């Protein structure tokens, strides 16, 4: 299609993010993971947006993670075998990752809860078994590099699976 206007869904920066974008919905629209800021590199929020019926426009964001004392970014979303969506999001201050679920195709989300890992730049993959693999830049100071964790229960619990790449901490 032709180049359109800049996508401005947040007051300052808007980034369509999420390595798995876009997500087809039952009504023919698409859902995109995104993040944005309320000011220049401050007030980061993470959520989703939806295409219009014709696909030319994106809706105002449905915010999954926002807090005036914390910044949330680096979101990825995956559809689970039961039809719900799982989002994993980076929290900047503590580098703790958080997760949330949606059972209504992204219109509403559960309150965020922490995962056991500290990470960023997530990639969520649903495996043939139904398990969810999360690959991420590991922000654990004792384990820098790129790591993977696996959830067998839709993101409620996670097991560390190992490192794809171990960085030299020095």
Protein backbone atom coordinates (compact mmCIF):
# COMPACT_ATOMS: atom_id res chain seq x y z
CA UNK A 1 0.00 0.00 0.00
CA UNK A 2 0.99 3.62 -0.21
CA UNK A 3 2.94 5.24 2.59
CA UNK A 4 0.49 6.75 5.04
CA UNK A 5 0.72 9.19 7.88
CA UNK A 6 2.92 8.56 10.89
CA UNK A 7 1.29 6.23 13.43
CA UNK A 8 0.78 8.33 16.56
CA UNK A 9 -1.06 6.36 19.23
CA UNK A 10 0.89 7.74 22.22
CA UNK A 11 1.70 11.40 23.04
CA UNK A 12 5.43 11.04 22.27
CA UNK A 13 6.76 7.81 20.75
CA UNK A 14 4.74 4.95 19.28
CA UNK A 15 6.42 1.65 18.42
CA UNK A 16 4.66 -1.34 16.99
CA UNK A 17 6.61 -4.06 18.70
CA UNK A 18 6.29 -7.76 19.29
CA UNK A 19 8.13 -10.18 17.11
CA UNK A 20 4.96 -12.14 16.46
CA UNK A 21 2.87 -9.27 15.02
CA UNK A 22 0.21 -9.23 13.61
CA UNK A 23 -2.37 -11.51 15.25
CA UNK A 24 -5.45 -12.38 13.16
CA UNK A 25 -8.74 -12.10 15.07
CA UNK A 26 -12.02 -13.95 14.57
CA UNK A 27 -13.72 -10.87 13.04
CA UNK A 28 -11.05 -10.43 10.34
CA UNK A 29 -9.20 -7.57 12.03
CA UNK A 30 -5.63 -7.81 13.31
CA UNK A 31 -4.18 -7.10 16.74
CA UNK A 32 -0.70 -5.61 17.10
CA UNK A 33 1.49 -5.49 20.22
CA UNK A 34 2.85 -2.00 20.75
CA UNK A 35 4.49 0.33 23.22
CA UNK A 36 4.80 4.06 23.52
CA UNK A 37 5.75 6.96 25.72
CA UNK A 38 3.95 9.83 27.39
CA UNK A 39 7.07 11.99 27.01
CA UNK A 40 10.53 11.82 25.50
CA UNK A 41 11.78 8.40 26.70
CA UNK A 42 9.57 8.49 29.82
CA UNK A 43 6.19 7.12 30.73
CA UNK A 44 6.58 3.90 28.74
CA UNK A 45 3.38 1.87 28.40
CA UNK A 46 2.72 -1.45 26.67
CA UNK A 47 -0.47 -2.71 25.11
CA UNK A 48 -2.23 -3.70 21.90
CA UNK A 49 -4.02 -1.95 19.05
CA UNK A 50 -6.45 -3.22 16.42
CA UNK A 51 -6.84 -2.58 12.72
CA UNK A 52 -10.06 -1.03 11.47
CA UNK A 53 -12.36 -3.14 9.30
CA UNK A 54 -10.55 -1.96 6.17
CA UNK A 55 -7.13 -2.41 7.79
CA UNK A 56 -6.03 1.17 7.11
CA UNK A 57 -6.18 2.49 10.68
CA UNK A 58 -5.17 1.41 14.17
CA UNK A 59 -7.34 1.88 17.24
CA UNK A 60 -6.35 3.72 20.37
CA UNK A 61 -4.19 1.39 22.48
CA UNK A 62 -5.63 -1.01 25.01
CA UNK A 63 -3.02 -0.63 27.76
CA UNK A 64 -1.83 -3.81 29.48
CA UNK A 65 1.00 -2.38 31.61
CA UNK A 66 1.40 1.21 32.80
CA UNK A 67 2.50 2.81 36.05
CA UNK A 68 3.73 6.39 36.64
CA UNK A 69 6.62 5.04 38.76
CA UNK A 70 7.69 2.34 36.28
CA UNK A 71 8.19 2.01 32.55
CA UNK A 72 6.89 -0.97 30.55
CA UNK A 73 8.03 -1.92 27.05
CA UNK A 74 9.35 -4.83 24.96
CA UNK A 75 6.04 -6.65 24.65
CA UNK A 76 5.29 -9.81 22.75
CA UNK A 77 1.97 -11.62 22.47
CA UNK A 78 1.08 -15.19 21.54
CA UNK A 79 -2.23 -17.02 21.18
CA UNK A 80 -2.55 -20.03 23.47
CA UNK A 81 -4.13 -23.36 22.51
CA UNK A 82 -7.27 -22.44 24.50
CA UNK A 83 -7.74 -19.25 22.41
CA UNK A 84 -6.57 -16.77 25.05
CA UNK A 85 -3.67 -14.42 24.42
CA UNK A 86 -0.56 -14.24 26.61
CA UNK A 87 1.54 -11.06 26.77
CA UNK A 88 5.03 -10.86 28.30
CA UNK A 89 6.36 -7.36 29.01
CA UNK A 90 9.60 -5.78 30.28
CA UNK A 91 9.56 -3.54 33.35
CA UNK A 92 12.47 -1.08 33.25
CA UNK A 93 13.16 -0.23 36.91
CA UNK A 94 13.77 -3.74 38.27
CA UNK A 95 14.07 -5.42 34.86
CA UNK A 96 11.47 -7.90 36.11
CA UNK A 97 9.34 -9.38 33.34
CA UNK A 98 5.58 -9.47 33.79
CA UNK A 99 2.73 -11.28 32.07
CA UNK A 100 -0.99 -10.90 31.42
CA UNK A 101 -3.80 -12.83 29.69
CA UNK A 102 -6.74 -11.84 27.53
CA UNK A 103 -9.72 -14.14 26.98
CA UNK A 104 -11.61 -11.71 24.72
CA UNK A 105 -9.17 -11.25 21.83
CA UNK A 106 -7.26 -8.41 23.46
CA UNK A 107 -10.13 -6.16 24.52
CA UNK A 108 -9.34 -6.63 28.24
CA UNK A 109 -6.33 -8.04 30.10
CA UNK A 110 -5.74 -9.53 33.53
CA UNK A 111 -3.64 -7.52 36.01
CA UNK A 112 0.06 -7.98 35.33
CA UNK A 113 2.01 -10.48 37.44
CA UNK A 114 5.75 -11.19 37.56
CA UNK A 115 7.48 -14.01 35.71
CA UNK A 116 10.50 -15.63 37.41
CA UNK A 117 12.92 -14.14 34.87
CA UNK A 118 14.40 -10.73 34.22
CA UNK A 119 14.45 -10.10 30.52
CA UNK A 120 13.89 -7.88 27.51
CA UNK A 121 13.32 -8.19 23.75
CA UNK A 122 10.98 -11.16 24.09
CA UNK A 123 10.03 -13.67 21.44
CA UNK A 124 7.12 -15.93 22.35
CA UNK A 125 6.60 -19.17 20.43
CA UNK A 126 3.85 -21.74 20.85
CA UNK A 127 5.38 -25.16 20.44
CA UNK A 128 3.59 -28.15 18.88
CA UNK A 129 3.07 -29.54 22.38
CA UNK A 130 1.16 -26.37 23.34
CA UNK A 131 3.97 -25.22 25.62
CA UNK A 132 5.13 -21.61 25.30
CA UNK A 133 8.81 -20.85 24.75
CA UNK A 134 10.02 -17.37 25.67
CA UNK A 135 13.42 -16.34 24.32
CA UNK A 136 14.79 -13.11 25.81
CA UNK A 137 17.84 -10.97 26.46
CA UNK A 138 18.67 -12.15 29.97
CA UNK A 139 18.96 -9.26 32.42
CA UNK A 140 19.95 -11.46 35.36
CA UNK A 141 23.43 -10.11 36.31
CA UNK A 142 24.61 -13.66 36.99
CA UNK A 143 23.51 -14.89 33.57
CA UNK A 144 23.99 -12.26 30.84
CA UNK A 145 23.19 -13.36 27.32
CA UNK A 146 20.15 -14.78 25.59
CA UNK A 147 18.07 -17.27 27.56
CA UNK A 148 14.90 -19.32 27.18
CA UNK A 149 12.16 -20.24 29.61
CA UNK A 150 9.23 -22.58 28.95
CA UNK A 151 5.69 -22.56 30.29
CA UNK A 152 3.46 -25.63 30.19
CA UNK A 153 0.45 -23.77 31.66
CA UNK A 154 -0.07 -20.71 29.47
CA UNK A 155 2.42 -18.48 31.28
CA UNK A 156 1.33 -19.10 34.88
CA UNK A 157 4.65 -20.79 35.70
CA UNK A 158 7.96 -20.90 33.86
CA UNK A 159 10.97 -23.23 33.89
CA UNK A 160 14.41 -21.98 32.88
CA UNK A 161 15.36 -23.99 29.78
CA UNK A 162 18.91 -22.70 29.25
CA UNK A 163 20.94 -20.14 27.38
CA UNK A 164 21.20 -19.75 23.63
CA UNK A 165 24.12 -17.41 24.10
CA UNK A 166 26.19 -16.72 27.23
CA UNK A 167 27.79 -13.28 27.25
CA UNK A 168 31.05 -12.58 29.01
CA UNK A 169 30.03 -10.46 32.03
CA UNK A 170 33.34 -8.59 32.06
